[in-house]
Amino acid sequence: ITQNIKTCYFEYFNIEIKNLDKPWVAHIICTTYYQGSRYWLKGKRSDMRFGIPMIWREPTDYITSCYFCSYQITSYNARNKKNISYTTLSCTTR
């Protein structure tokens, strides 16, 4: 995650990206967010597609609260990705 992305995230959500030294924090971002944040910083877009930030906390039990282990998304594609249902886990807050 680059400094530009950190700056954009803070300016848009007023939340600082922290804990990047922790293994349970996402260390990459998707192309959609990357491109959208660049357009927003340049003034080419008035808002971003992601209007609610994800707040990460350290999982207490990796079997039941690991965000990345809890979802099977390999069978989804661009047409049916809207059908993915993300529940709130104890390690995340939206």
PDB file of N, CA and C in Angstrom:
ATOM      1  N   ILE A   1       0.867  -1.173   0.000  1.00  0.00           N
ATOM      2  CA  ILE A   1       0.000   0.000   0.000  1.00  0.00           C
ATOM      3  C   ILE A   1       0.905   1.224   0.000  1.00  0.00           C
ATOM      4  N   THR A   2       0.741   2.055  -1.010  1.00  0.00           N
ATOM      5  CA  THR A   2       1.617   3.212  -1.181  1.00  0.00           C
ATOM      6  C   THR A   2       1.198   4.372  -0.283  1.00  0.00           C
ATOM      7  N   GLN A   3       2.085   5.345  -0.175  1.00  0.00           N
ATOM      8  CA  GLN A   3       1.779   6.532   0.618  1.00  0.00           C
ATOM      9  C   GLN A   3       0.607   7.303   0.007  1.00  0.00           C
ATOM     10  N   ASN A   4       0.516   7.328  -1.320  1.00  0.00           N
ATOM     11  CA  ASN A   4      -0.615   8.008  -1.970  1.00  0.00           C
ATOM     12  C   ASN A   4      -1.945   7.366  -1.585  1.00  0.00           C
ATOM     13  N   ILE A   5      -1.973   6.047  -1.520  1.00  0.00           N
ATOM     14  CA  ILE A   5      -3.197   5.346  -1.124  1.00  0.00           C
ATOM     15  C   ILE A   5      -3.525   5.655   0.330  1.00  0.00           C
ATOM     16  N   LYS A   6      -2.521   5.658   1.193  1.00  0.00           N
ATOM     17  CA  LYS A   6      -2.745   5.995   2.605  1.00  0.00           C
ATOM     18  C   LYS A   6      -3.313   7.406   2.738  1.00  0.00           C
ATOM     19  N   THR A   7      -2.739   8.344   1.980  1.00  0.00           N
ATOM     20  CA  THR A   7      -3.205   9.732   2.016  1.00  0.00           C
ATOM     21  C   THR A   7      -4.641   9.836   1.528  1.00  0.00           C
ATOM     22  N   CYS A   8      -4.938   9.191   0.419  1.00  0.00           N
ATOM     23  CA  CYS A   8      -6.290   9.217  -0.133  1.00  0.00           C
ATOM     24  C   CYS A   8      -7.291   8.630   0.851  1.00  0.00           C
ATOM     25  N   TYR A   9      -6.959   7.506   1.448  1.00  0.00           N
ATOM     26  CA  TYR A   9      -7.845   6.846   2.407  1.00  0.00           C
ATOM     27  C   TYR A   9      -8.139   7.766   3.584  1.00  0.00           C
ATOM     28  N   PHE A  10      -7.086   8.426   4.080  1.00  0.00           N
ATOM     29  CA  PHE A  10      -7.275   9.333   5.214  1.00  0.00           C
ATOM     30  C   PHE A  10      -8.133  10.537   4.823  1.00  0.00           C
ATOM     31  N   GLU A  11      -7.863  11.120   3.662  1.00  0.00           N
ATOM     32  CA  GLU A  11      -8.625  12.294   3.230  1.00  0.00           C
ATOM     33  C   GLU A  11     -10.091  11.959   2.956  1.00  0.00           C
ATOM     34  N   TYR A  12     -10.356  10.783   2.429  1.00  0.00           N
ATOM     35  CA  TYR A  12     -11.732  10.415   2.086  1.00  0.00           C
ATOM     36  C   TYR A  12     -12.525   9.933   3.296  1.00  0.00           C
ATOM     37  N   PHE A  13     -11.934   9.042   4.097  1.00  0.00           N
ATOM     38  CA  PHE A  13     -12.648   8.439   5.222  1.00  0.00           C
ATOM     39  C   PHE A  13     -12.322   9.070   6.571  1.00  0.00           C
ATOM     40  N   ASN A  14     -11.266   9.889   6.619  1.00  0.00           N
ATOM     41  CA  ASN A  14     -10.774  10.477   7.868  1.00  0.00           C
ATOM     42  C   ASN A  14     -10.339   9.385   8.860  1.00  0.00           C
ATOM     43  N   ILE A  15      -9.768   8.327   8.312  1.00  0.00           N
ATOM     44  CA  ILE A  15      -9.248   7.209   9.101  1.00  0.00           C
ATOM     45  C   ILE A  15      -7.853   6.887   8.579  1.00  0.00           C
ATOM     46  N   GLU A  16      -6.919   6.750   9.490  1.00  0.00           N
ATOM     47  CA  GLU A  16      -5.548   6.436   9.110  1.00  0.00           C
ATOM     48  C   GLU A  16      -5.376   4.925   8.939  1.00  0.00           C
ATOM     49  N   ILE A  17      -4.656   4.534   7.885  1.00  0.00           N
ATOM     50  CA  ILE A  17      -4.317   3.123   7.702  1.00  0.00           C
ATOM     51  C   ILE A  17      -3.162   2.817   8.638  1.00  0.00           C
ATOM     52  N   LYS A  18      -3.388   1.867   9.551  1.00  0.00           N
ATOM     53  CA  LYS A  18      -2.371   1.521  10.547  1.00  0.00           C
ATOM     54  C   LYS A  18      -2.170   0.010  10.594  1.00  0.00           C
ATOM     55  N   ASN A  19      -1.233  -0.396  11.405  1.00  0.00           N
ATOM     56  CA  ASN A  19      -0.957  -1.813  11.679  1.00  0.00           C
ATOM     57  C   ASN A  19      -0.528  -2.608  10.454  1.00  0.00           C
ATOM     58  N   LEU A  20       0.118  -1.954   9.493  1.00  0.00           N
ATOM     59  CA  LEU A  20       0.573  -2.687   8.314  1.00  0.00           C
ATOM     60  C   LEU A  20       1.691  -3.672   8.638  1.00  0.00           C
ATOM     61  N   ASP A  21       2.235  -3.574   9.832  1.00  0.00           N
ATOM     62  CA  ASP A  21       3.257  -4.533  10.250  1.00  0.00           C
ATOM     63  C   ASP A  21       2.643  -5.833  10.772  1.00  0.00           C
ATOM     64  N   LYS A  22       1.338  -5.884  10.884  1.00  0.00           N
ATOM     65  CA  LYS A  22       0.645  -7.063  11.413  1.00  0.00           C
ATOM     66  C   LYS A  22       0.237  -8.002  10.278  1.00  0.00           C
ATOM     67  N   PRO A  23       0.360  -9.310  10.476  1.00  0.00           N
ATOM     68  CA  PRO A  23       0.012 -10.250   9.405  1.00  0.00           C
ATOM     69  C   PRO A  23      -1.487 -10.356   9.133  1.00  0.00           C
ATOM     70  N   TRP A  24      -2.341  -9.940  10.051  1.00  0.00           N
ATOM     71  CA  TRP A  24      -3.785 -10.069   9.884  1.00  0.00           C
ATOM     72  C   TRP A  24      -4.414  -8.882   9.158  1.00  0.00           C
ATOM     73  N   VAL A  25      -3.611  -7.904   8.795  1.00  0.00           N
ATOM     74  CA  VAL A  25      -4.110  -6.724   8.081  1.00  0.00           C
ATOM     75  C   VAL A  25      -3.917  -6.942   6.583  1.00  0.00           C
ATOM     76  N   ALA A  26      -4.901  -6.549   5.791  1.00  0.00           N
ATOM     77  CA  ALA A  26      -4.774  -6.650   4.339  1.00  0.00           C
ATOM     78  C   ALA A  26      -3.640  -5.741   3.873  1.00  0.00           C
ATOM     79  N   HIS A  27      -2.742  -6.281   3.060  1.00  0.00           N
ATOM     80  CA  HIS A  27      -1.584  -5.525   2.605  1.00  0.00           C
ATOM     81  C   HIS A  27      -1.660  -5.154   1.129  1.00  0.00           C
ATOM     82  N   ILE A  28      -2.727  -5.527   0.476  1.00  0.00           N
ATOM     83  CA  ILE A  28      -2.914  -5.179  -0.925  1.00  0.00           C
ATOM     84  C   ILE A  28      -4.317  -4.613  -1.103  1.00  0.00           C
ATOM     85  N   ILE A  29      -4.514  -3.906  -2.192  1.00  0.00           N
ATOM     86  CA  ILE A  29      -5.839  -3.370  -2.507  1.00  0.00           C
ATOM     87  C   ILE A  29      -6.212  -3.818  -3.914  1.00  0.00           C
ATOM     88  N   CYS A  30      -7.488  -3.815  -4.201  1.00  0.00           N
ATOM     89  CA  CYS A  30      -7.938  -4.241  -5.524  1.00  0.00           C
ATOM     90  C   CYS A  30      -7.723  -3.123  -6.542  1.00  0.00           C
ATOM     91  N   THR A  31      -7.701  -3.505  -7.798  1.00  0.00           N
ATOM     92  CA  THR A  31      -7.491  -2.557  -8.886  1.00  0.00           C
ATOM     93  C   THR A  31      -8.592  -1.503  -8.925  1.00  0.00           C
ATOM     94  N   THR A  32      -9.818  -1.898  -8.648  1.00  0.00           N
ATOM     95  CA  THR A  32     -10.938  -0.955  -8.660  1.00  0.00           C
ATOM     96  C   THR A  32     -10.721   0.160  -7.650  1.00  0.00           C
ATOM     97  N   TYR A  33     -10.309  -0.191  -6.432  1.00  0.00           N
ATOM     98  CA  TYR A  33     -10.067   0.837  -5.418  1.00  0.00           C
ATOM     99  C   TYR A  33      -8.871   1.695  -5.804  1.00  0.00           C
ATOM    100  N   TYR A  34      -7.820   1.071  -6.300  1.00  0.00           N
ATOM    101  CA  TYR A  34      -6.617   1.817  -6.677  1.00  0.00           C
ATOM    102  C   TYR A  34      -6.935   2.862  -7.744  1.00  0.00           C
ATOM    103  N   GLN A  35      -7.605   2.453  -8.804  1.00  0.00           N
ATOM    104  CA  GLN A  35      -7.933   3.390  -9.877  1.00  0.00           C
ATOM    105  C   GLN A  35      -8.924   4.453  -9.413  1.00  0.00           C
ATOM    106  N   GLY A  36      -9.923   4.043  -8.649  1.00  0.00           N
ATOM    107  CA  GLY A  36     -10.905   5.001  -8.148  1.00  0.00           C
ATOM    108  C   GLY A  36     -10.285   6.044  -7.245  1.00  0.00           C
ATOM    109  N   SER A  37      -9.351   5.632  -6.404  1.00  0.00           N
ATOM    110  CA  SER A  37      -8.702   6.589  -5.501  1.00  0.00           C
ATOM    111  C   SER A  37      -7.818   7.557  -6.275  1.00  0.00           C
ATOM    112  N   ARG A  38      -7.162   7.079  -7.314  1.00  0.00           N
ATOM    113  CA  ARG A  38      -6.346   7.975  -8.148  1.00  0.00           C
ATOM    114  C   ARG A  38      -7.223   9.024  -8.824  1.00  0.00           C
ATOM    115  N   TYR A  39      -8.364   8.603  -9.375  1.00  0.00           N
ATOM    116  CA  TYR A  39      -9.281   9.553 -10.010  1.00  0.00           C
ATOM    117  C   TYR A  39      -9.830  10.546  -8.993  1.00  0.00           C
ATOM    118  N   TRP A  40     -10.150  10.073  -7.806  1.00  0.00           N
ATOM    119  CA  TRP A  40     -10.687  10.955  -6.767  1.00  0.00           C
ATOM    120  C   TRP A  40      -9.645  11.987  -6.350  1.00  0.00           C
ATOM    121  N   LEU A  41      -8.392  11.553  -6.165  1.00  0.00           N
ATOM    122  CA  LEU A  41      -7.334  12.492  -5.783  1.00  0.00           C
ATOM    123  C   LEU A  41      -7.096  13.547  -6.855  1.00  0.00           C
ATOM    124  N   LYS A  42      -7.248  13.170  -8.122  1.00  0.00           N
ATOM    125  CA  LYS A  42      -7.039  14.106  -9.230  1.00  0.00           C
ATOM    126  C   LYS A  42      -8.265  14.971  -9.503  1.00  0.00           C
ATOM    127  N   GLY A  43      -9.369  14.720  -8.794  1.00  0.00           N
ATOM    128  CA  GLY A  43     -10.582  15.496  -8.997  1.00  0.00           C
ATOM    129  C   GLY A  43     -11.421  15.032 -10.169  1.00  0.00           C
ATOM    130  N   LYS A  44     -11.111  13.875 -10.728  1.00  0.00           N
ATOM    131  CA  LYS A  44     -11.865  13.347 -11.863  1.00  0.00           C
ATOM    132  C   LYS A  44     -13.106  12.575 -11.430  1.00  0.00           C
ATOM    133  N   ARG A  45     -13.232  12.348 -10.134  1.00  0.00           N
ATOM    134  CA  ARG A  45     -14.387  11.626  -9.592  1.00  0.00           C
ATOM    135  C   ARG A  45     -14.770  12.292  -8.274  1.00  0.00           C
ATOM    136  N   SER A  46     -16.064  12.482  -8.051  1.00  0.00           N
ATOM    137  CA  SER A  46     -16.501  13.160  -6.826  1.00  0.00           C
ATOM    138  C   SER A  46     -16.645  12.209  -5.646  1.00  0.00           C
ATOM    139  N   ASP A  47     -16.760  10.916  -5.924  1.00  0.00           N
ATOM    140  CA  ASP A  47     -16.850   9.942  -4.838  1.00  0.00           C
ATOM    141  C   ASP A  47     -16.209   8.637  -5.289  1.00  0.00           C
ATOM    142  N   MET A  48     -16.091   7.714  -4.352  1.00  0.00           N
ATOM    143  CA  MET A  48     -15.517   6.415  -4.672  1.00  0.00           C
ATOM    144  C   MET A  48     -16.591   5.347  -4.527  1.00  0.00           C
ATOM    145  N   ARG A  49     -16.380   4.237  -5.189  1.00  0.00           N
ATOM    146  CA  ARG A  49     -17.355   3.142  -5.141  1.00  0.00           C
ATOM    147  C   ARG A  49     -17.444   2.526  -3.754  1.00  0.00           C
ATOM    148  N   PHE A  50     -16.394   2.683  -2.975  1.00  0.00           N
ATOM    149  CA  PHE A  50     -16.368   2.133  -1.624  1.00  0.00           C
ATOM    150  C   PHE A  50     -16.670   3.253  -0.652  1.00  0.00           C
ATOM    151  N   GLY A  51     -17.898   3.355  -0.208  1.00  0.00           N
ATOM    152  CA  GLY A  51     -18.289   4.442   0.672  1.00  0.00           C
ATOM    153  C   GLY A  51     -18.188   4.128   2.145  1.00  0.00           C
ATOM    154  N   ILE A  52     -17.951   2.860   2.478  1.00  0.00           N
ATOM    155  CA  ILE A  52     -17.861   2.452   3.879  1.00  0.00           C
ATOM    156  C   ILE A  52     -16.507   1.780   4.090  1.00  0.00           C
ATOM    157  N   PRO A  53     -15.682   2.315   4.970  1.00  0.00           N
ATOM    158  CA  PRO A  53     -14.362   1.703   5.185  1.00  0.00           C
ATOM    159  C   PRO A  53     -14.460   0.409   5.988  1.00  0.00           C
ATOM    160  N   MET A  54     -13.482  -0.437   5.817  1.00  0.00           N
ATOM    161  CA  MET A  54     -13.386  -1.675   6.592  1.00  0.00           C
ATOM    162  C   MET A  54     -12.362  -1.447   7.698  1.00  0.00           C
ATOM    163  N   ILE A  55     -12.762  -1.661   8.932  1.00  0.00           N
ATOM    164  CA  ILE A  55     -11.879  -1.527  10.082  1.00  0.00           C
ATOM    165  C   ILE A  55     -11.468  -2.935  10.512  1.00  0.00           C
ATOM    166  N   TRP A  56     -10.167  -3.187  10.551  1.00  0.00           N
ATOM    167  CA  TRP A  56      -9.649  -4.511  10.886  1.00  0.00           C
ATOM    168  C   TRP A  56      -9.149  -4.549  12.326  1.00  0.00           C
ATOM    169  N   ARG A  57      -9.467  -5.623  13.004  1.00  0.00           N
ATOM    170  CA  ARG A  57      -8.912  -5.905  14.328  1.00  0.00           C
ATOM    171  C   ARG A  57      -8.304  -7.299  14.288  1.00  0.00           C
ATOM    172  N   GLU A  58      -7.391  -7.557  15.192  1.00  0.00           N
ATOM    173  CA  GLU A  58      -6.757  -8.872  15.214  1.00  0.00           C
ATOM    174  C   GLU A  58      -7.788  -9.946  15.550  1.00  0.00           C
ATOM    175  N   PRO A  59      -7.865 -10.994  14.734  1.00  0.00           N
ATOM    176  CA  PRO A  59      -8.805 -12.079  15.026  1.00  0.00           C
ATOM    177  C   PRO A  59      -8.443 -12.776  16.336  1.00  0.00           C
ATOM    178  N   THR A  60      -9.443 -13.140  17.103  1.00  0.00           N
ATOM    179  CA  THR A  60      -9.194 -13.854  18.351  1.00  0.00           C
ATOM    180  C   THR A  60      -9.217 -15.362  18.133  1.00  0.00           C
ATOM    181  N   ASP A  61      -9.935 -15.800  17.125  1.00  0.00           N
ATOM    182  CA  ASP A  61     -10.033 -17.221  16.809  1.00  0.00           C
ATOM    183  C   ASP A  61     -10.015 -17.354  15.287  1.00  0.00           C
ATOM    184  N   TYR A  62      -8.923 -17.838  14.747  1.00  0.00           N
ATOM    185  CA  TYR A  62      -8.771 -17.872  13.296  1.00  0.00           C
ATOM    186  C   TYR A  62      -9.753 -18.809  12.601  1.00  0.00           C
ATOM    187  N   ILE A  63     -10.273 -19.774  13.290  1.00  0.00           N
ATOM    188  CA  ILE A  63     -11.212 -20.709  12.664  1.00  0.00           C
ATOM    189  C   ILE A  63     -12.554 -20.038  12.394  1.00  0.00           C
ATOM    190  N   THR A  64     -13.030 -19.220  13.322  1.00  0.00           N
ATOM    191  CA  THR A  64     -14.353 -18.610  13.160  1.00  0.00           C
ATOM    192  C   THR A  64     -14.320 -17.127  12.827  1.00  0.00           C
ATOM    193  N   SER A  65     -13.184 -16.458  13.032  1.00  0.00           N
ATOM    194  CA  SER A  65     -13.193 -15.012  12.806  1.00  0.00           C
ATOM    195  C   SER A  65     -12.161 -14.525  11.793  1.00  0.00           C
ATOM    196  N   CYS A  66     -11.536 -15.417  11.062  1.00  0.00           N
ATOM    197  CA  CYS A  66     -10.606 -14.985  10.016  1.00  0.00           C
ATOM    198  C   CYS A  66     -11.425 -14.566   8.795  1.00  0.00           C
ATOM    199  N   TYR A  67     -11.355 -13.302   8.443  1.00  0.00           N
ATOM    200  CA  TYR A  67     -12.163 -12.764   7.354  1.00  0.00           C
ATOM    201  C   TYR A  67     -11.878 -13.480   6.035  1.00  0.00           C
ATOM    202  N   PHE A  68     -10.602 -13.726   5.750  1.00  0.00           N
ATOM    203  CA  PHE A  68     -10.223 -14.312   4.466  1.00  0.00           C
ATOM    204  C   PHE A  68     -10.525 -15.802   4.387  1.00  0.00           C
ATOM    205  N   CYS A  69     -10.608 -16.463   5.535  1.00  0.00           N
ATOM    206  CA  CYS A  69     -10.913 -17.903   5.554  1.00  0.00           C
ATOM    207  C   CYS A  69     -12.418 -18.171   5.563  1.00  0.00           C
ATOM    208  N   SER A  70     -13.210 -17.169   5.838  1.00  0.00           N
ATOM    209  CA  SER A  70     -14.645 -17.365   6.041  1.00  0.00           C
ATOM    210  C   SER A  70     -15.472 -17.375   4.763  1.00  0.00           C
ATOM    211  N   TYR A  71     -14.875 -17.029   3.634  1.00  0.00           N
ATOM    212  CA  TYR A  71     -15.658 -16.902   2.408  1.00  0.00           C
ATOM    213  C   TYR A  71     -15.072 -17.734   1.285  1.00  0.00           C
ATOM    214  N   GLN A  72     -15.933 -18.383   0.565  1.00  0.00           N
ATOM    215  CA  GLN A  72     -15.552 -19.127  -0.623  1.00  0.00           C
ATOM    216  C   GLN A  72     -16.011 -18.288  -1.804  1.00  0.00           C
ATOM    217  N   ILE A  73     -15.072 -17.610  -2.453  1.00  0.00           N
ATOM    218  CA  ILE A  73     -15.453 -16.704  -3.538  1.00  0.00           C
ATOM    219  C   ILE A  73     -14.886 -17.132  -4.883  1.00  0.00           C
ATOM    220  N   THR A  74     -14.275 -18.299  -4.947  1.00  0.00           N
ATOM    221  CA  THR A  74     -13.641 -18.724  -6.194  1.00  0.00           C
ATOM    222  C   THR A  74     -14.634 -18.982  -7.319  1.00  0.00           C
ATOM    223  N   SER A  75     -15.871 -19.284  -7.022  1.00  0.00           N
ATOM    224  CA  SER A  75     -16.845 -19.571  -8.076  1.00  0.00           C
ATOM    225  C   SER A  75     -17.558 -18.321  -8.587  1.00  0.00           C
ATOM    226  N   TYR A  76     -17.212 -17.157  -8.067  1.00  0.00           N
ATOM    227  CA  TYR A  76     -17.869 -15.921  -8.483  1.00  0.00           C
ATOM    228  C   TYR A  76     -17.086 -15.238  -9.592  1.00  0.00           C
ATOM    229  N   ASN A  77     -17.812 -14.476 -10.412  1.00  0.00           N
ATOM    230  CA  ASN A  77     -17.192 -13.714 -11.486  1.00  0.00           C
ATOM    231  C   ASN A  77     -17.839 -12.332 -11.543  1.00  0.00           C
ATOM    232  N   ALA A  78     -17.516 -11.559 -12.575  1.00  0.00           N
ATOM    233  CA  ALA A  78     -18.020 -10.186 -12.681  1.00  0.00           C
ATOM    234  C   ALA A  78     -19.546 -10.124 -12.732  1.00  0.00           C
ATOM    235  N   ARG A  79     -20.186 -11.132 -13.306  1.00  0.00           N
ATOM    236  CA  ARG A  79     -21.645 -11.117 -13.422  1.00  0.00           C
ATOM    237  C   ARG A  79     -22.368 -11.464 -12.128  1.00  0.00           C
ATOM    238  N   ASN A  80     -21.817 -12.358 -11.339  1.00  0.00           N
ATOM    239  CA  ASN A  80     -22.549 -12.792 -10.150  1.00  0.00           C
ATOM    240  C   ASN A  80     -21.887 -12.385  -8.830  1.00  0.00           C
ATOM    241  N   LYS A  81     -20.873 -11.533  -8.875  1.00  0.00           N
ATOM    242  CA  LYS A  81     -20.187 -11.153  -7.636  1.00  0.00           C
ATOM    243  C   LYS A  81     -21.097 -10.387  -6.673  1.00  0.00           C
ATOM    244  N   LYS A  82     -22.157  -9.783  -7.192  1.00  0.00           N
ATOM    245  CA  LYS A  82     -23.095  -9.066  -6.314  1.00  0.00           C
ATOM    246  C   LYS A  82     -23.841 -10.023  -5.382  1.00  0.00           C
ATOM    247  N   ASN A  83     -23.807 -11.316  -5.686  1.00  0.00           N
ATOM    248  CA  ASN A  83     -24.475 -12.313  -4.852  1.00  0.00           C
ATOM    249  C   ASN A  83     -23.645 -12.759  -3.646  1.00  0.00           C
ATOM    250  N   ILE A  84     -22.399 -12.313  -3.561  1.00  0.00           N
ATOM    251  CA  ILE A  84     -21.571 -12.669  -2.406  1.00  0.00           C
ATOM    252  C   ILE A  84     -22.142 -11.961  -1.186  1.00  0.00           C
ATOM    253  N   SER A  85     -22.355 -12.694  -0.136  1.00  0.00           N
ATOM    254  CA  SER A  85     -22.891 -12.128   1.097  1.00  0.00           C
ATOM    255  C   SER A  85     -21.784 -12.090   2.145  1.00  0.00           C
ATOM    256  N   TYR A  86     -21.371 -10.881   2.508  1.00  0.00           N
ATOM    257  CA  TYR A  86     -20.332 -10.713   3.514  1.00  0.00           C
ATOM    258  C   TYR A  86     -20.986 -10.421   4.861  1.00  0.00           C
ATOM    259  N   THR A  87     -20.741 -11.270   5.810  1.00  0.00           N
ATOM    260  CA  THR A  87     -21.255 -11.030   7.152  1.00  0.00           C
ATOM    261  C   THR A  87     -20.224 -10.258   7.954  1.00  0.00           C
ATOM    262  N   THR A  88     -20.656  -9.649   9.022  1.00  0.00           N
ATOM    263  CA  THR A  88     -19.735  -8.944   9.900  1.00  0.00           C
ATOM    264  C   THR A  88     -19.152  -9.938  10.886  1.00  0.00           C
ATOM    265  N   LEU A  89     -17.845  -9.990  10.926  1.00  0.00           N
ATOM    266  CA  LEU A  89     -17.146 -10.862  11.860  1.00  0.00           C
ATOM    267  C   LEU A  89     -16.635 -10.037  13.030  1.00  0.00           C
ATOM    268  N   SER A  90     -16.220 -10.711  14.087  1.00  0.00           N
ATOM    269  CA  SER A  90     -15.736  -9.991  15.266  1.00  0.00           C
ATOM    270  C   SER A  90     -14.452  -9.221  14.988  1.00  0.00           C
ATOM    271  N   CYS A  91     -13.724  -9.585  13.931  1.00  0.00           N
ATOM    272  CA  CYS A  91     -12.463  -8.911  13.632  1.00  0.00           C
ATOM    273  C   CYS A  91     -12.632  -7.745  12.666  1.00  0.00           C
ATOM    274  N   THR A  92     -13.846  -7.498  12.177  1.00  0.00           N
ATOM    275  CA  THR A  92     -14.067  -6.409  11.226  1.00  0.00           C
ATOM    276  C   THR A  92     -15.265  -5.559  11.625  1.00  0.00           C
ATOM    277  N   THR A  93     -15.210  -4.326  11.198  1.00  0.00           N
ATOM    278  CA  THR A  93     -16.321  -3.399  11.387  1.00  0.00           C
ATOM    279  C   THR A  93     -16.438  -2.580  10.119  1.00  0.00           C
ATOM    280  N   ARG A  94     -17.641  -2.370   9.668  1.00  0.00           N
ATOM    281  CA  ARG A  94     -17.862  -1.497   8.499  1.00  0.00           C
ATOM    282  C   ARG A  94     -18.493  -0.215   8.946  1.00  0.00           C
TER     283      ARG A  94
END
